[in-house]
Amino acid sequence: MPFCTKCGAPLKEDDKFCPVCGAAAPKVSREEFSVSASNLVDRVKELLHEGNVTRIIVKDEKGKALLEIPVTVGVIGTVLAPWLAALGVIAALATNCRIVVERRE
């Protein structure tokens, strides 16, 4: 679910303006990658360093969301370590994963 960049109110996927403050809703594009569990942590690190990523969602083979990383975590390096540890556990349990990347245009 996207949020307003001005006031933080939740937005629906098809909203063009925030219903609370009237600010224009940011356009978000989604990409999906399929990776093996052994490459999962490395691929997520690469995506976090790109800078224009707003959210990363890791899903299993069935499409169930296993981990969701917001953009603020990518900016703060000290908070990143527990997320990467969780990714390591997911990589140990799953064989193939899908990574959904949301980018703000």
PDB file of N, CA and C in Angstrom:
ATOM      1  N   MET A   1       0.841  -1.170   0.000  1.00  0.00           N
ATOM      2  CA  MET A   1       0.000   0.000   0.000  1.00  0.00           C
ATOM      3  C   MET A   1       0.891   1.239   0.000  1.00  0.00           C
ATOM      4  N   PRO A   2       0.700   2.143  -0.942  1.00  0.00           N
ATOM      5  CA  PRO A   2       1.498   3.377  -0.973  1.00  0.00           C
ATOM      6  C   PRO A   2       0.991   4.388   0.056  1.00  0.00           C
ATOM      7  N   PHE A   3       1.867   5.296   0.422  1.00  0.00           N
ATOM      8  CA  PHE A   3       1.532   6.344   1.374  1.00  0.00           C
ATOM      9  C   PHE A   3       1.855   7.699   0.767  1.00  0.00           C
ATOM     10  N   CYS A   4       1.136   8.721   1.210  1.00  0.00           N
ATOM     11  CA  CYS A   4       1.367  10.087   0.750  1.00  0.00           C
ATOM     12  C   CYS A   4       2.733  10.545   1.225  1.00  0.00           C
ATOM     13  N   THR A   5       3.499  11.169   0.334  1.00  0.00           N
ATOM     14  CA  THR A   5       4.833  11.641   0.702  1.00  0.00           C
ATOM     15  C   THR A   5       4.774  12.926   1.519  1.00  0.00           C
ATOM     16  N   LYS A   6       3.648  13.612   1.482  1.00  0.00           N
ATOM     17  CA  LYS A   6       3.521  14.870   2.220  1.00  0.00           C
ATOM     18  C   LYS A   6       2.984  14.666   3.637  1.00  0.00           C
ATOM     19  N   CYS A   7       1.858  13.933   3.766  1.00  0.00           N
ATOM     20  CA  CYS A   7       1.228  13.787   5.083  1.00  0.00           C
ATOM     21  C   CYS A   7       1.308  12.372   5.649  1.00  0.00           C
ATOM     22  N   GLY A   8       1.668  11.379   4.837  1.00  0.00           N
ATOM     23  CA  GLY A   8       1.807  10.005   5.320  1.00  0.00           C
ATOM     24  C   GLY A   8       0.520   9.203   5.329  1.00  0.00           C
ATOM     25  N   ALA A   9      -0.566   9.744   4.816  1.00  0.00           N
ATOM     26  CA  ALA A   9      -1.840   9.035   4.789  1.00  0.00           C
ATOM     27  C   ALA A   9      -1.773   7.866   3.805  1.00  0.00           C
ATOM     28  N   PRO A  10      -2.442   6.752   4.113  1.00  0.00           N
ATOM     29  CA  PRO A  10      -2.455   5.621   3.173  1.00  0.00           C
ATOM     30  C   PRO A  10      -3.233   5.970   1.912  1.00  0.00           C
ATOM     31  N   LEU A  11      -2.723   5.502   0.778  1.00  0.00           N
ATOM     32  CA  LEU A  11      -3.351   5.739  -0.521  1.00  0.00           C
ATOM     33  C   LEU A  11      -3.764   4.423  -1.138  1.00  0.00           C
ATOM     34  N   LYS A  12      -4.806   4.465  -1.945  1.00  0.00           N
ATOM     35  CA  LYS A  12      -5.184   3.293  -2.725  1.00  0.00           C
ATOM     36  C   LYS A  12      -4.288   3.241  -3.950  1.00  0.00           C
ATOM     37  N   GLU A  13      -4.205   2.083  -4.580  1.00  0.00           N
ATOM     38  CA  GLU A  13      -3.327   1.897  -5.735  1.00  0.00           C
ATOM     39  C   GLU A  13      -3.660   2.832  -6.892  1.00  0.00           C
ATOM     40  N   ASP A  14      -4.942   3.154  -7.088  1.00  0.00           N
ATOM     41  CA  ASP A  14      -5.334   3.967  -8.229  1.00  0.00           C
ATOM     42  C   ASP A  14      -5.524   5.451  -7.893  1.00  0.00           C
ATOM     43  N   ASP A  15      -5.206   5.884  -6.661  1.00  0.00           N
ATOM     44  CA  ASP A  15      -5.331   7.292  -6.283  1.00  0.00           C
ATOM     45  C   ASP A  15      -4.300   8.141  -7.016  1.00  0.00           C
ATOM     46  N   LYS A  16      -4.743   9.274  -7.533  1.00  0.00           N
ATOM     47  CA  LYS A  16      -3.832  10.214  -8.175  1.00  0.00           C
ATOM     48  C   LYS A  16      -3.483  11.362  -7.240  1.00  0.00           C
ATOM     49  N   PHE A  17      -4.367  11.587  -6.236  1.00  0.00           N
ATOM     50  CA  PHE A  17      -4.141  12.632  -5.246  1.00  0.00           C
ATOM     51  C   PHE A  17      -4.469  12.083  -3.869  1.00  0.00           C
ATOM     52  N   CYS A  18      -3.817  12.622  -2.853  1.00  0.00           N
ATOM     53  CA  CYS A  18      -4.063  12.221  -1.472  1.00  0.00           C
ATOM     54  C   CYS A  18      -5.437  12.721  -1.042  1.00  0.00           C
ATOM     55  N   PRO A  19      -6.292  11.854  -0.476  1.00  0.00           N
ATOM     56  CA  PRO A  19      -7.619  12.301  -0.046  1.00  0.00           C
ATOM     57  C   PRO A  19      -7.562  13.193   1.198  1.00  0.00           C
ATOM     58  N   VAL A  20      -6.446  13.191   1.921  1.00  0.00           N
ATOM     59  CA  VAL A  20      -6.334  13.988   3.142  1.00  0.00           C
ATOM     60  C   VAL A  20      -5.799  15.387   2.857  1.00  0.00           C
ATOM     61  N   CYS A  21      -4.643  15.474   2.167  1.00  0.00           N
ATOM     62  CA  CYS A  21      -4.005  16.781   1.969  1.00  0.00           C
ATOM     63  C   CYS A  21      -4.079  17.283   0.522  1.00  0.00           C
ATOM     64  N   GLY A  22      -4.436  16.430  -0.420  1.00  0.00           N
ATOM     65  CA  GLY A  22      -4.568  16.851  -1.806  1.00  0.00           C
ATOM     66  C   GLY A  22      -3.288  16.823  -2.612  1.00  0.00           C
ATOM     67  N   ALA A  23      -2.188  16.370  -2.025  1.00  0.00           N
ATOM     68  CA  ALA A  23      -0.916  16.306  -2.750  1.00  0.00           C
ATOM     69  C   ALA A  23      -0.978  15.224  -3.826  1.00  0.00           C
ATOM     70  N   ALA A  24      -0.213  15.426  -4.892  1.00  0.00           N
ATOM     71  CA  ALA A  24      -0.164  14.434  -5.967  1.00  0.00           C
ATOM     72  C   ALA A  24       0.467  13.142  -5.459  1.00  0.00           C
ATOM     73  N   ALA A  25      -0.134  12.022  -5.779  1.00  0.00           N
ATOM     74  CA  ALA A  25       0.385  10.720  -5.366  1.00  0.00           C
ATOM     75  C   ALA A  25       1.571  10.339  -6.246  1.00  0.00           C
ATOM     76  N   PRO A  26       2.638   9.805  -5.666  1.00  0.00           N
ATOM     77  CA  PRO A  26       3.789   9.424  -6.473  1.00  0.00           C
ATOM     78  C   PRO A  26       3.467   8.213  -7.346  1.00  0.00           C
ATOM     79  N   LYS A  27       4.050   8.188  -8.535  1.00  0.00           N
ATOM     80  CA  LYS A  27       3.888   7.043  -9.418  1.00  0.00           C
ATOM     81  C   LYS A  27       4.908   5.990  -9.007  1.00  0.00           C
ATOM     82  N   VAL A  28       4.444   4.764  -8.862  1.00  0.00           N
ATOM     83  CA  VAL A  28       5.300   3.673  -8.423  1.00  0.00           C
ATOM     84  C   VAL A  28       5.272   2.574  -9.475  1.00  0.00           C
ATOM     85  N   SER A  29       6.445   2.132  -9.883  1.00  0.00           N
ATOM     86  CA  SER A  29       6.524   1.015 -10.820  1.00  0.00           C
ATOM     87  C   SER A  29       7.028  -0.211 -10.075  1.00  0.00           C
ATOM     88  N   ARG A  30       6.607  -1.372 -10.523  1.00  0.00           N
ATOM     89  CA  ARG A  30       6.995  -2.636  -9.887  1.00  0.00           C
ATOM     90  C   ARG A  30       7.761  -3.502 -10.870  1.00  0.00           C
ATOM     91  N   GLU A  31       8.812  -4.126 -10.360  1.00  0.00           N
ATOM     92  CA  GLU A  31       9.568  -5.124 -11.114  1.00  0.00           C
ATOM     93  C   GLU A  31       9.608  -6.385 -10.280  1.00  0.00           C
ATOM     94  N   GLU A  32       9.674  -7.521 -10.925  1.00  0.00           N
ATOM     95  CA  GLU A  32       9.730  -8.778 -10.203  1.00  0.00           C
ATOM     96  C   GLU A  32      10.883  -9.611 -10.745  1.00  0.00           C
ATOM     97  N   PHE A  33      11.697 -10.130  -9.826  1.00  0.00           N
ATOM     98  CA  PHE A  33      12.847 -10.962 -10.182  1.00  0.00           C
ATOM     99  C   PHE A  33      12.686 -12.326  -9.519  1.00  0.00           C
ATOM    100  N   SER A  34      13.124 -13.344 -10.195  1.00  0.00           N
ATOM    101  CA  SER A  34      13.170 -14.679  -9.624  1.00  0.00           C
ATOM    102  C   SER A  34      14.637 -15.021  -9.371  1.00  0.00           C
ATOM    103  N   VAL A  35      14.955 -15.360  -8.129  1.00  0.00           N
ATOM    104  CA  VAL A  35      16.338 -15.656  -7.767  1.00  0.00           C
ATOM    105  C   VAL A  35      16.381 -16.949  -6.972  1.00  0.00           C
ATOM    106  N   SER A  36      17.535 -17.586  -6.998  1.00  0.00           N
ATOM    107  CA  SER A  36      17.727 -18.767  -6.163  1.00  0.00           C
ATOM    108  C   SER A  36      18.052 -18.298  -4.749  1.00  0.00           C
ATOM    109  N   ALA A  37      17.874 -19.170  -3.799  1.00  0.00           N
ATOM    110  CA  ALA A  37      18.100 -18.810  -2.401  1.00  0.00           C
ATOM    111  C   ALA A  37      19.548 -18.421  -2.139  1.00  0.00           C
ATOM    112  N   SER A  38      20.474 -19.003  -2.860  1.00  0.00           N
ATOM    113  CA  SER A  38      21.890 -18.689  -2.635  1.00  0.00           C
ATOM    114  C   SER A  38      22.242 -17.270  -3.083  1.00  0.00           C
ATOM    115  N   ASN A  39      21.497 -16.710  -4.025  1.00  0.00           N
ATOM    116  CA  ASN A  39      21.757 -15.352  -4.521  1.00  0.00           C
ATOM    117  C   ASN A  39      20.856 -14.297  -3.900  1.00  0.00           C
ATOM    118  N   LEU A  40      19.971 -14.695  -2.995  1.00  0.00           N
ATOM    119  CA  LEU A  40      18.959 -13.788  -2.460  1.00  0.00           C
ATOM    120  C   LEU A  40      19.563 -12.594  -1.725  1.00  0.00           C
ATOM    121  N   VAL A  41      20.451 -12.834  -0.789  1.00  0.00           N
ATOM    122  CA  VAL A  41      21.023 -11.752   0.017  1.00  0.00           C
ATOM    123  C   VAL A  41      21.832 -10.798  -0.858  1.00  0.00           C
ATOM    124  N   ASP A  42      22.628 -11.343  -1.771  1.00  0.00           N
ATOM    125  CA  ASP A  42      23.441 -10.495  -2.642  1.00  0.00           C
ATOM    126  C   ASP A  42      22.571  -9.615  -3.541  1.00  0.00           C
ATOM    127  N   ARG A  43      21.507 -10.166  -4.080  1.00  0.00           N
ATOM    128  CA  ARG A  43      20.622  -9.406  -4.973  1.00  0.00           C
ATOM    129  C   ARG A  43      19.911  -8.290  -4.208  1.00  0.00           C
ATOM    130  N   VAL A  44      19.463  -8.562  -2.986  1.00  0.00           N
ATOM    131  CA  VAL A  44      18.797  -7.539  -2.180  1.00  0.00           C
ATOM    132  C   VAL A  44      19.779  -6.429  -1.813  1.00  0.00           C
ATOM    133  N   LYS A  45      21.024  -6.773  -1.500  1.00  0.00           N
ATOM    134  CA  LYS A  45      22.038  -5.749  -1.212  1.00  0.00           C
ATOM    135  C   LYS A  45      22.251  -4.847  -2.422  1.00  0.00           C
ATOM    136  N   GLU A  46      22.315  -5.440  -3.613  1.00  0.00           N
ATOM    137  CA  GLU A  46      22.471  -4.650  -4.839  1.00  0.00           C
ATOM    138  C   GLU A  46      21.299  -3.689  -5.018  1.00  0.00           C
ATOM    139  N   LEU A  47      20.095  -4.175  -4.791  1.00  0.00           N
ATOM    140  CA  LEU A  47      18.910  -3.338  -4.968  1.00  0.00           C
ATOM    141  C   LEU A  47      18.877  -2.195  -3.958  1.00  0.00           C
ATOM    142  N   LEU A  48      19.289  -2.456  -2.721  1.00  0.00           N
ATOM    143  CA  LEU A  48      19.293  -1.408  -1.704  1.00  0.00           C
ATOM    144  C   LEU A  48      20.294  -0.305  -2.025  1.00  0.00           C
ATOM    145  N   HIS A  49      21.386  -0.663  -2.675  1.00  0.00           N
ATOM    146  CA  HIS A  49      22.405   0.326  -3.012  1.00  0.00           C
ATOM    147  C   HIS A  49      22.046   1.161  -4.241  1.00  0.00           C
ATOM    148  N   GLU A  50      21.029   0.763  -4.992  1.00  0.00           N
ATOM    149  CA  GLU A  50      20.630   1.529  -6.176  1.00  0.00           C
ATOM    150  C   GLU A  50      20.055   2.891  -5.810  1.00  0.00           C
ATOM    151  N   GLY A  51      19.362   2.997  -4.699  1.00  0.00           N
ATOM    152  CA  GLY A  51      18.902   4.292  -4.228  1.00  0.00           C
ATOM    153  C   GLY A  51      17.497   4.697  -4.628  1.00  0.00           C
ATOM    154  N   ASN A  52      16.978   4.280  -5.764  1.00  0.00           N
ATOM    155  CA  ASN A  52      15.642   4.697  -6.180  1.00  0.00           C
ATOM    156  C   ASN A  52      14.577   3.665  -5.821  1.00  0.00           C
ATOM    157  N   VAL A  53      14.930   2.696  -5.010  1.00  0.00           N
ATOM    158  CA  VAL A  53      13.999   1.658  -4.590  1.00  0.00           C
ATOM    159  C   VAL A  53      13.240   2.144  -3.361  1.00  0.00           C
ATOM    160  N   THR A  54      11.917   2.007  -3.367  1.00  0.00           N
ATOM    161  CA  THR A  54      11.126   2.431  -2.218  1.00  0.00           C
ATOM    162  C   THR A  54      10.733   1.272  -1.312  1.00  0.00           C
ATOM    163  N   ARG A  55      10.613   0.067  -1.875  1.00  0.00           N
ATOM    164  CA  ARG A  55      10.247  -1.094  -1.065  1.00  0.00           C
ATOM    165  C   ARG A  55      10.674  -2.360  -1.780  1.00  0.00           C
ATOM    166  N   ILE A  56      11.109  -3.340  -0.996  1.00  0.00           N
ATOM    167  CA  ILE A  56      11.480  -4.652  -1.523  1.00  0.00           C
ATOM    168  C   ILE A  56      10.642  -5.691  -0.793  1.00  0.00           C
ATOM    169  N   ILE A  57       9.989  -6.554  -1.556  1.00  0.00           N
ATOM    170  CA  ILE A  57       9.176  -7.624  -0.986  1.00  0.00           C
ATOM    171  C   ILE A  57       9.759  -8.950  -1.451  1.00  0.00           C
ATOM    172  N   VAL A  58      10.054  -9.833  -0.516  1.00  0.00           N
ATOM    173  CA  VAL A  58      10.571 -11.168  -0.830  1.00  0.00           C
ATOM    174  C   VAL A  58       9.422 -12.155  -0.665  1.00  0.00           C
ATOM    175  N   LYS A  59       9.152 -12.921  -1.730  1.00  0.00           N
ATOM    176  CA  LYS A  59       8.066 -13.898  -1.728  1.00  0.00           C
ATOM    177  C   LYS A  59       8.621 -15.288  -1.987  1.00  0.00           C
ATOM    178  N   ASP A  60       7.889 -16.306  -1.523  1.00  0.00           N
ATOM    179  CA  ASP A  60       8.292 -17.680  -1.810  1.00  0.00           C
ATOM    180  C   ASP A  60       7.738 -18.108  -3.163  1.00  0.00           C
ATOM    181  N   GLU A  61       7.907 -19.388  -3.507  1.00  0.00           N
ATOM    182  CA  GLU A  61       7.478 -19.882  -4.810  1.00  0.00           C
ATOM    183  C   GLU A  61       5.975 -19.773  -5.016  1.00  0.00           C
ATOM    184  N   LYS A  62       5.206 -19.844  -3.931  1.00  0.00           N
ATOM    185  CA  LYS A  62       3.754 -19.801  -4.009  1.00  0.00           C
ATOM    186  C   LYS A  62       3.200 -18.376  -4.034  1.00  0.00           C
ATOM    187  N   GLY A  63       4.049 -17.381  -3.853  1.00  0.00           N
ATOM    188  CA  GLY A  63       3.611 -15.995  -3.878  1.00  0.00           C
ATOM    189  C   GLY A  63       3.338 -15.395  -2.515  1.00  0.00           C
ATOM    190  N   LYS A  64       3.611 -16.145  -1.450  1.00  0.00           N
ATOM    191  CA  LYS A  64       3.390 -15.646  -0.093  1.00  0.00           C
ATOM    192  C   LYS A  64       4.534 -14.710   0.299  1.00  0.00           C
ATOM    193  N   ALA A  65       4.191 -13.523   0.802  1.00  0.00           N
ATOM    194  CA  ALA A  65       5.210 -12.549   1.207  1.00  0.00           C
ATOM    195  C   ALA A  65       5.931 -13.034   2.464  1.00  0.00           C
ATOM    196  N   LEU A  66       7.249 -13.139   2.379  1.00  0.00           N
ATOM    197  CA  LEU A  66       8.049 -13.587   3.509  1.00  0.00           C
ATOM    198  C   LEU A  66       8.697 -12.431   4.264  1.00  0.00           C
ATOM    199  N   LEU A  67       9.065 -11.385   3.534  1.00  0.00           N
ATOM    200  CA  LEU A  67       9.749 -10.249   4.145  1.00  0.00           C
ATOM    201  C   LEU A  67       9.488  -9.006   3.309  1.00  0.00           C
ATOM    202  N   GLU A  68       9.246  -7.886   3.987  1.00  0.00           N
ATOM    203  CA  GLU A  68       9.015  -6.623   3.317  1.00  0.00           C
ATOM    204  C   GLU A  68       9.975  -5.595   3.904  1.00  0.00           C
ATOM    205  N   ILE A  69      10.808  -4.997   3.056  1.00  0.00           N
ATOM    206  CA  ILE A  69      11.807  -4.044   3.520  1.00  0.00           C
ATOM    207  C   ILE A  69      11.439  -2.660   2.991  1.00  0.00           C
ATOM    208  N   PRO A  70      11.109  -1.713   3.884  1.00  0.00           N
ATOM    209  CA  PRO A  70      10.806  -0.352   3.425  1.00  0.00           C
ATOM    210  C   PRO A  70      12.076   0.412   3.077  1.00  0.00           C
ATOM    211  N   VAL A  71      11.932   1.507   2.348  1.00  0.00           N
ATOM    212  CA  VAL A  71      13.078   2.275   1.869  1.00  0.00           C
ATOM    213  C   VAL A  71      13.898   2.863   3.006  1.00  0.00           C
ATOM    214  N   THR A  72      13.275   3.233   4.104  1.00  0.00           N
ATOM    215  CA  THR A  72      14.017   3.878   5.182  1.00  0.00           C
ATOM    216  C   THR A  72      15.083   2.965   5.758  1.00  0.00           C
ATOM    217  N   VAL A  73      14.850   1.667   5.702  1.00  0.00           N
ATOM    218  CA  VAL A  73      15.849   0.726   6.190  1.00  0.00           C
ATOM    219  C   VAL A  73      17.066   0.727   5.281  1.00  0.00           C
ATOM    220  N   GLY A  74      16.859   0.887   3.981  1.00  0.00           N
ATOM    221  CA  GLY A  74      17.979   0.926   3.051  1.00  0.00           C
ATOM    222  C   GLY A  74      18.875   2.120   3.266  1.00  0.00           C
ATOM    223  N   VAL A  75      18.315   3.201   3.791  1.00  0.00           N
ATOM    224  CA  VAL A  75      19.087   4.415   4.024  1.00  0.00           C
ATOM    225  C   VAL A  75      19.901   4.301   5.299  1.00  0.00           C
ATOM    226  N   ILE A  76      19.357   3.655   6.316  1.00  0.00           N
ATOM    227  CA  ILE A  76      20.019   3.546   7.612  1.00  0.00           C
ATOM    228  C   ILE A  76      20.769   2.227   7.669  1.00  0.00           C
ATOM    229  N   GLY A  77      22.089   2.282   7.612  1.00  0.00           N
ATOM    230  CA  GLY A  77      22.908   1.077   7.540  1.00  0.00           C
ATOM    231  C   GLY A  77      22.886   0.225   8.790  1.00  0.00           C
ATOM    232  N   THR A  78      22.791   0.823   9.985  1.00  0.00           N
ATOM    233  CA  THR A  78      22.832   0.037  11.214  1.00  0.00           C
ATOM    234  C   THR A  78      21.572  -0.788  11.410  1.00  0.00           C
ATOM    235  N   VAL A  79      20.463  -0.353  10.842  1.00  0.00           N
ATOM    236  CA  VAL A  79      19.213  -1.093  10.963  1.00  0.00           C
ATOM    237  C   VAL A  79      19.147  -2.212   9.926  1.00  0.00           C
ATOM    238  N   LEU A  80      20.014  -2.160   8.941  1.00  0.00           N
ATOM    239  CA  LEU A  80      19.993  -3.114   7.841  1.00  0.00           C
ATOM    240  C   LEU A  80      20.428  -4.521   8.260  1.00  0.00           C
ATOM    241  N   ALA A  81      21.292  -4.640   9.241  1.00  0.00           N
ATOM    242  CA  ALA A  81      21.838  -5.946   9.632  1.00  0.00           C
ATOM    243  C   ALA A  81      20.771  -6.967  10.036  1.00  0.00           C
ATOM    244  N   PRO A  82      19.775  -6.627  10.866  1.00  0.00           N
ATOM    245  CA  PRO A  82      18.747  -7.638  11.191  1.00  0.00           C
ATOM    246  C   PRO A  82      17.936  -8.083   9.984  1.00  0.00           C
ATOM    247  N   TRP A  83      17.683  -7.164   9.038  1.00  0.00           N
ATOM    248  CA  TRP A  83      16.943  -7.531   7.829  1.00  0.00           C
ATOM    249  C   TRP A  83      17.738  -8.533   7.001  1.00  0.00           C
ATOM    250  N   LEU A  84      19.041  -8.320   6.890  1.00  0.00           N
ATOM    251  CA  LEU A  84      19.874  -9.248   6.123  1.00  0.00           C
ATOM    252  C   LEU A  84      19.990 -10.593   6.826  1.00  0.00           C
ATOM    253  N   ALA A  85      19.991 -10.587   8.158  1.00  0.00           N
ATOM    254  CA  ALA A  85      20.004 -11.849   8.900  1.00  0.00           C
ATOM    255  C   ALA A  85      18.709 -12.625   8.645  1.00  0.00           C
ATOM    256  N   ALA A  86      17.585 -11.907   8.598  1.00  0.00           N
ATOM    257  CA  ALA A  86      16.305 -12.550   8.293  1.00  0.00           C
ATOM    258  C   ALA A  86      16.308 -13.106   6.875  1.00  0.00           C
ATOM    259  N   LEU A  87      16.932 -12.393   5.950  1.00  0.00           N
ATOM    260  CA  LEU A  87      17.044 -12.894   4.578  1.00  0.00           C
ATOM    261  C   LEU A  87      17.874 -14.169   4.526  1.00  0.00           C
ATOM    262  N   GLY A  88      18.902 -14.246   5.364  1.00  0.00           N
ATOM    263  CA  GLY A  88      19.717 -15.458   5.422  1.00  0.00           C
ATOM    264  C   GLY A  88      18.902 -16.659   5.879  1.00  0.00           C
ATOM    265  N   VAL A  89      18.022 -16.452   6.841  1.00  0.00           N
ATOM    266  CA  VAL A  89      17.151 -17.532   7.314  1.00  0.00           C
ATOM    267  C   VAL A  89      16.177 -17.941   6.222  1.00  0.00           C
ATOM    268  N   ILE A  90      15.614 -16.965   5.528  1.00  0.00           N
ATOM    269  CA  ILE A  90      14.690 -17.266   4.428  1.00  0.00           C
ATOM    270  C   ILE A  90      15.414 -18.043   3.337  1.00  0.00           C
ATOM    271  N   ALA A  91      16.640 -17.647   3.045  1.00  0.00           N
ATOM    272  CA  ALA A  91      17.417 -18.336   2.011  1.00  0.00           C
ATOM    273  C   ALA A  91      17.690 -19.780   2.408  1.00  0.00           C
ATOM    274  N   ALA A  92      17.857 -20.037   3.702  1.00  0.00           N
ATOM    275  CA  ALA A  92      18.105 -21.405   4.157  1.00  0.00           C
ATOM    276  C   ALA A  92      16.850 -22.272   4.047  1.00  0.00           C
ATOM    277  N   LEU A  93      15.673 -21.655   4.176  1.00  0.00           N
ATOM    278  CA  LEU A  93      14.431 -22.420   4.163  1.00  0.00           C
ATOM    279  C   LEU A  93      13.817 -22.576   2.774  1.00  0.00           C
ATOM    280  N   ALA A  94      14.029 -21.605   1.909  1.00  0.00           N
ATOM    281  CA  ALA A  94      13.403 -21.633   0.582  1.00  0.00           C
ATOM    282  C   ALA A  94      14.424 -22.024  -0.477  1.00  0.00           C
ATOM    283  N   THR A  95      13.939 -22.592  -1.562  1.00  0.00           N
ATOM    284  CA  THR A  95      14.837 -22.937  -2.660  1.00  0.00           C
ATOM    285  C   THR A  95      14.872 -21.836  -3.711  1.00  0.00           C
ATOM    286  N   ASN A  96      13.723 -21.332  -4.080  1.00  0.00           N
ATOM    287  CA  ASN A  96      13.629 -20.224  -5.034  1.00  0.00           C
ATOM    288  C   ASN A  96      12.755 -19.141  -4.425  1.00  0.00           C
ATOM    289  N   CYS A  97      13.097 -17.896  -4.694  1.00  0.00           N
ATOM    290  CA  CYS A  97      12.334 -16.766  -4.179  1.00  0.00           C
ATOM    291  C   CYS A  97      12.063 -15.792  -5.305  1.00  0.00           C
ATOM    292  N   ARG A  98      11.039 -14.988  -5.104  1.00  0.00           N
ATOM    293  CA  ARG A  98      10.747 -13.897  -6.019  1.00  0.00           C
ATOM    294  C   ARG A  98      10.925 -12.592  -5.254  1.00  0.00           C
ATOM    295  N   ILE A  99      11.567 -11.625  -5.891  1.00  0.00           N
ATOM    296  CA  ILE A  99      11.767 -10.323  -5.282  1.00  0.00           C
ATOM    297  C   ILE A  99      10.935  -9.323  -6.070  1.00  0.00           C
ATOM    298  N   VAL A 100      10.045  -8.623  -5.380  1.00  0.00           N
ATOM    299  CA  VAL A 100       9.251  -7.561  -5.992  1.00  0.00           C
ATOM    300  C   VAL A 100       9.873  -6.242  -5.550  1.00  0.00           C
ATOM    301  N   VAL A 101      10.232  -5.407  -6.530  1.00  0.00           N
ATOM    302  CA  VAL A 101      10.895  -4.135  -6.254  1.00  0.00           C
ATOM    303  C   VAL A 101       9.972  -3.003  -6.678  1.00  0.00           C
ATOM    304  N   GLU A 102       9.681  -2.098  -5.750  1.00  0.00           N
ATOM    305  CA  GLU A 102       8.879  -0.928  -6.067  1.00  0.00           C
ATOM    306  C   GLU A 102       9.810   0.268  -6.175  1.00  0.00           C
ATOM    307  N   ARG A 103       9.674   1.002  -7.268  1.00  0.00           N
ATOM    308  CA  ARG A 103      10.487   2.205  -7.510  1.00  0.00           C
ATOM    309  C   ARG A 103       9.562   3.380  -7.729  1.00  0.00           C
ATOM    310  N   ARG A 104       9.918   4.509  -7.133  1.00  0.00           N
ATOM    311  CA  ARG A 104       9.154   5.735  -7.329  1.00  0.00           C
ATOM    312  C   ARG A 104       9.664   6.430  -8.573  1.00  0.00           C
ATOM    313  N   GLU A 105       8.762   6.805  -9.466  1.00  0.00           N
ATOM    314  CA  GLU A 105       9.147   7.459 -10.723  1.00  0.00           C
ATOM    315  C   GLU A 105       9.243   8.959 -10.533  1.00  0.00           C
TER     316      GLU A 105
END
